Amino acid sequence: MELSWKKSSYSDNLGGNCVELAQLGEDVGIRDSQDPDGPKLLLAPTAFRALLADLKQQ
C-alpha cells in the first residue's frame, strides 16, 4: 500500500530537518523527510494527540 506522505507548510525547502505524516486507517505514520526509506513510527490517534500536546508545551 502506497502512503501519501505530507510535510508541514511550516517546513522550508532549504533542506532542514522535517518530519512527514501519513494517515493509515485511524493511525498516523511519522518519518524523517531526509530518510524516507528509514524507520517510521506508527501512532494510534490518542498517542499522536499526546505527542502534539507535549510538543506544543515545549
N, C-alpha and C. Protein backbone atom coordinates (compact mmCIF):
# COMPACT_ATOMS: atom_id res chain seq x y z
N MET A 1 0.84 -1.18 0.00
CA MET A 1 0.00 0.00 0.00
C MET A 1 0.88 1.25 0.00
N GLU A 2 0.71 2.11 -0.97
CA GLU A 2 1.46 3.36 -1.08
C GLU A 2 0.78 4.43 -0.22
N LEU A 3 1.55 5.03 0.68
CA LEU A 3 1.01 6.07 1.55
C LEU A 3 1.28 7.44 0.95
N SER A 4 0.40 8.38 1.24
CA SER A 4 0.58 9.76 0.81
C SER A 4 1.17 10.55 1.97
N TRP A 5 2.47 10.78 1.92
CA TRP A 5 3.17 11.48 3.00
C TRP A 5 3.05 12.99 2.80
N LYS A 6 2.79 13.71 3.87
CA LYS A 6 2.62 15.17 3.83
C LYS A 6 3.63 15.83 4.75
N LYS A 7 4.19 16.94 4.28
CA LYS A 7 5.11 17.74 5.08
C LYS A 7 4.39 19.02 5.48
N SER A 8 4.65 19.51 6.67
CA SER A 8 4.02 20.72 7.17
C SER A 8 4.33 21.91 6.26
N SER A 9 3.36 22.80 6.13
CA SER A 9 3.58 24.02 5.37
C SER A 9 4.57 24.94 6.09
N TYR A 10 4.84 24.68 7.38
CA TYR A 10 5.83 25.45 8.13
C TYR A 10 7.25 25.03 7.76
N SER A 11 7.39 23.89 7.10
CA SER A 11 8.71 23.41 6.69
C SER A 11 9.19 24.22 5.50
N ASP A 12 10.49 24.50 5.49
CA ASP A 12 11.03 25.20 4.32
C ASP A 12 11.61 24.18 3.35
N ASN A 13 11.99 24.64 2.20
CA ASN A 13 12.57 23.76 1.18
C ASN A 13 14.08 23.93 1.11
N LEU A 14 14.70 24.31 2.23
CA LEU A 14 16.13 24.55 2.25
C LEU A 14 16.91 23.36 2.80
N GLY A 15 16.26 22.21 2.89
CA GLY A 15 16.97 21.01 3.34
C GLY A 15 17.04 20.86 4.84
N GLY A 16 16.18 21.57 5.56
CA GLY A 16 16.18 21.46 7.02
C GLY A 16 15.61 20.14 7.50
N ASN A 17 15.67 19.94 8.80
CA ASN A 17 15.12 18.73 9.39
C ASN A 17 13.60 18.83 9.45
N CYS A 18 12.93 17.91 8.80
CA CYS A 18 11.47 17.92 8.75
C CYS A 18 10.94 16.51 8.98
N VAL A 19 9.74 16.46 9.46
CA VAL A 19 9.05 15.18 9.56
C VAL A 19 7.88 15.20 8.59
N GLU A 20 7.47 14.02 8.16
CA GLU A 20 6.32 13.87 7.28
C GLU A 20 5.32 12.96 7.96
N LEU A 21 4.05 13.20 7.68
CA LEU A 21 2.97 12.41 8.27
C LEU A 21 2.16 11.74 7.18
N ALA A 22 1.60 10.57 7.50
CA ALA A 22 0.71 9.86 6.59
C ALA A 22 -0.39 9.20 7.41
N GLN A 23 -1.59 9.21 6.88
CA GLN A 23 -2.73 8.55 7.51
C GLN A 23 -2.77 7.10 7.07
N LEU A 24 -2.89 6.18 8.03
CA LEU A 24 -3.01 4.76 7.74
C LEU A 24 -4.17 4.23 8.57
N GLY A 25 -5.34 4.24 7.96
CA GLY A 25 -6.54 3.92 8.73
C GLY A 25 -6.75 5.01 9.76
N GLU A 26 -6.90 4.61 11.02
CA GLU A 26 -7.03 5.60 12.10
C GLU A 26 -5.67 6.06 12.61
N ASP A 27 -4.61 5.32 12.31
CA ASP A 27 -3.29 5.61 12.85
C ASP A 27 -2.56 6.65 12.00
N VAL A 28 -1.49 7.21 12.59
CA VAL A 28 -0.69 8.23 11.92
C VAL A 28 0.75 7.73 11.82
N GLY A 29 1.30 7.75 10.62
CA GLY A 29 2.70 7.40 10.40
C GLY A 29 3.55 8.65 10.42
N ILE A 30 4.75 8.53 10.98
CA ILE A 30 5.69 9.65 11.06
C ILE A 30 7.04 9.16 10.56
N ARG A 31 7.68 9.97 9.69
CA ARG A 31 9.01 9.61 9.20
C ARG A 31 9.86 10.86 9.02
N ASP A 32 11.15 10.68 8.90
CA ASP A 32 12.11 11.74 8.64
C ASP A 32 12.11 12.03 7.14
N SER A 33 11.87 13.27 6.76
CA SER A 33 11.80 13.61 5.33
C SER A 33 13.15 13.41 4.63
N GLN A 34 14.25 13.46 5.37
CA GLN A 34 15.57 13.28 4.75
C GLN A 34 15.95 11.80 4.63
N ASP A 35 15.15 10.92 5.23
CA ASP A 35 15.42 9.48 5.16
C ASP A 35 14.09 8.73 4.97
N PRO A 36 13.43 8.94 3.82
CA PRO A 36 12.09 8.37 3.62
C PRO A 36 12.05 6.84 3.64
N ASP A 37 13.18 6.19 3.41
CA ASP A 37 13.21 4.72 3.46
C ASP A 37 13.64 4.20 4.83
N GLY A 38 13.93 5.11 5.74
CA GLY A 38 14.38 4.73 7.08
C GLY A 38 13.22 4.32 7.98
N PRO A 39 13.49 4.22 9.28
CA PRO A 39 12.46 3.78 10.22
C PRO A 39 11.31 4.78 10.30
N LYS A 40 10.15 4.26 10.65
CA LYS A 40 8.94 5.07 10.77
C LYS A 40 8.26 4.75 12.08
N LEU A 41 7.52 5.71 12.60
CA LEU A 41 6.68 5.50 13.77
C LEU A 41 5.24 5.36 13.32
N LEU A 42 4.49 4.52 13.98
CA LEU A 42 3.07 4.39 13.73
C LEU A 42 2.37 4.60 15.06
N LEU A 43 1.60 5.68 15.16
CA LEU A 43 0.95 6.04 16.41
C LEU A 43 -0.56 5.95 16.31
N ALA A 44 -1.16 5.45 17.37
CA ALA A 44 -2.61 5.47 17.50
C ALA A 44 -3.04 6.93 17.68
N PRO A 45 -4.30 7.26 17.37
CA PRO A 45 -4.75 8.65 17.48
C PRO A 45 -4.50 9.27 18.85
N THR A 46 -4.75 8.54 19.93
CA THR A 46 -4.54 9.10 21.27
C THR A 46 -3.06 9.39 21.52
N ALA A 47 -2.18 8.52 21.06
CA ALA A 47 -0.75 8.74 21.24
C ALA A 47 -0.28 9.93 20.40
N PHE A 48 -0.82 10.09 19.20
CA PHE A 48 -0.44 11.21 18.33
C PHE A 48 -0.90 12.53 18.96
N ARG A 49 -2.12 12.57 19.48
CA ARG A 49 -2.61 13.78 20.15
C ARG A 49 -1.75 14.12 21.36
N ALA A 50 -1.35 13.11 22.13
CA ALA A 50 -0.49 13.34 23.29
C ALA A 50 0.87 13.89 22.86
N LEU A 51 1.42 13.36 21.79
CA LEU A 51 2.70 13.85 21.26
C LEU A 51 2.57 15.32 20.86
N LEU A 52 1.52 15.67 20.13
CA LEU A 52 1.32 17.06 19.71
C LEU A 52 1.17 17.98 20.91
N ALA A 53 0.40 17.56 21.90
CA ALA A 53 0.20 18.38 23.10
C ALA A 53 1.53 18.62 23.81
N ASP A 54 2.36 17.59 23.90
CA ASP A 54 3.66 17.71 24.55
C ASP A 54 4.57 18.65 23.75
N LEU A 55 4.58 18.53 22.44
CA LEU A 55 5.42 19.40 21.61
C LEU A 55 4.99 20.86 21.70
N LYS A 56 3.70 21.11 21.79
CA LYS A 56 3.20 22.48 21.90
C LYS A 56 3.61 23.13 23.21
N GLN A 57 3.83 22.33 24.25
CA GLN A 57 4.22 22.87 25.55
C GLN A 57 5.70 23.24 25.61
N GLN A 58 6.48 22.72 24.68
CA GLN A 58 7.93 22.96 24.71
C GLN A 58 8.30 24.26 24.04
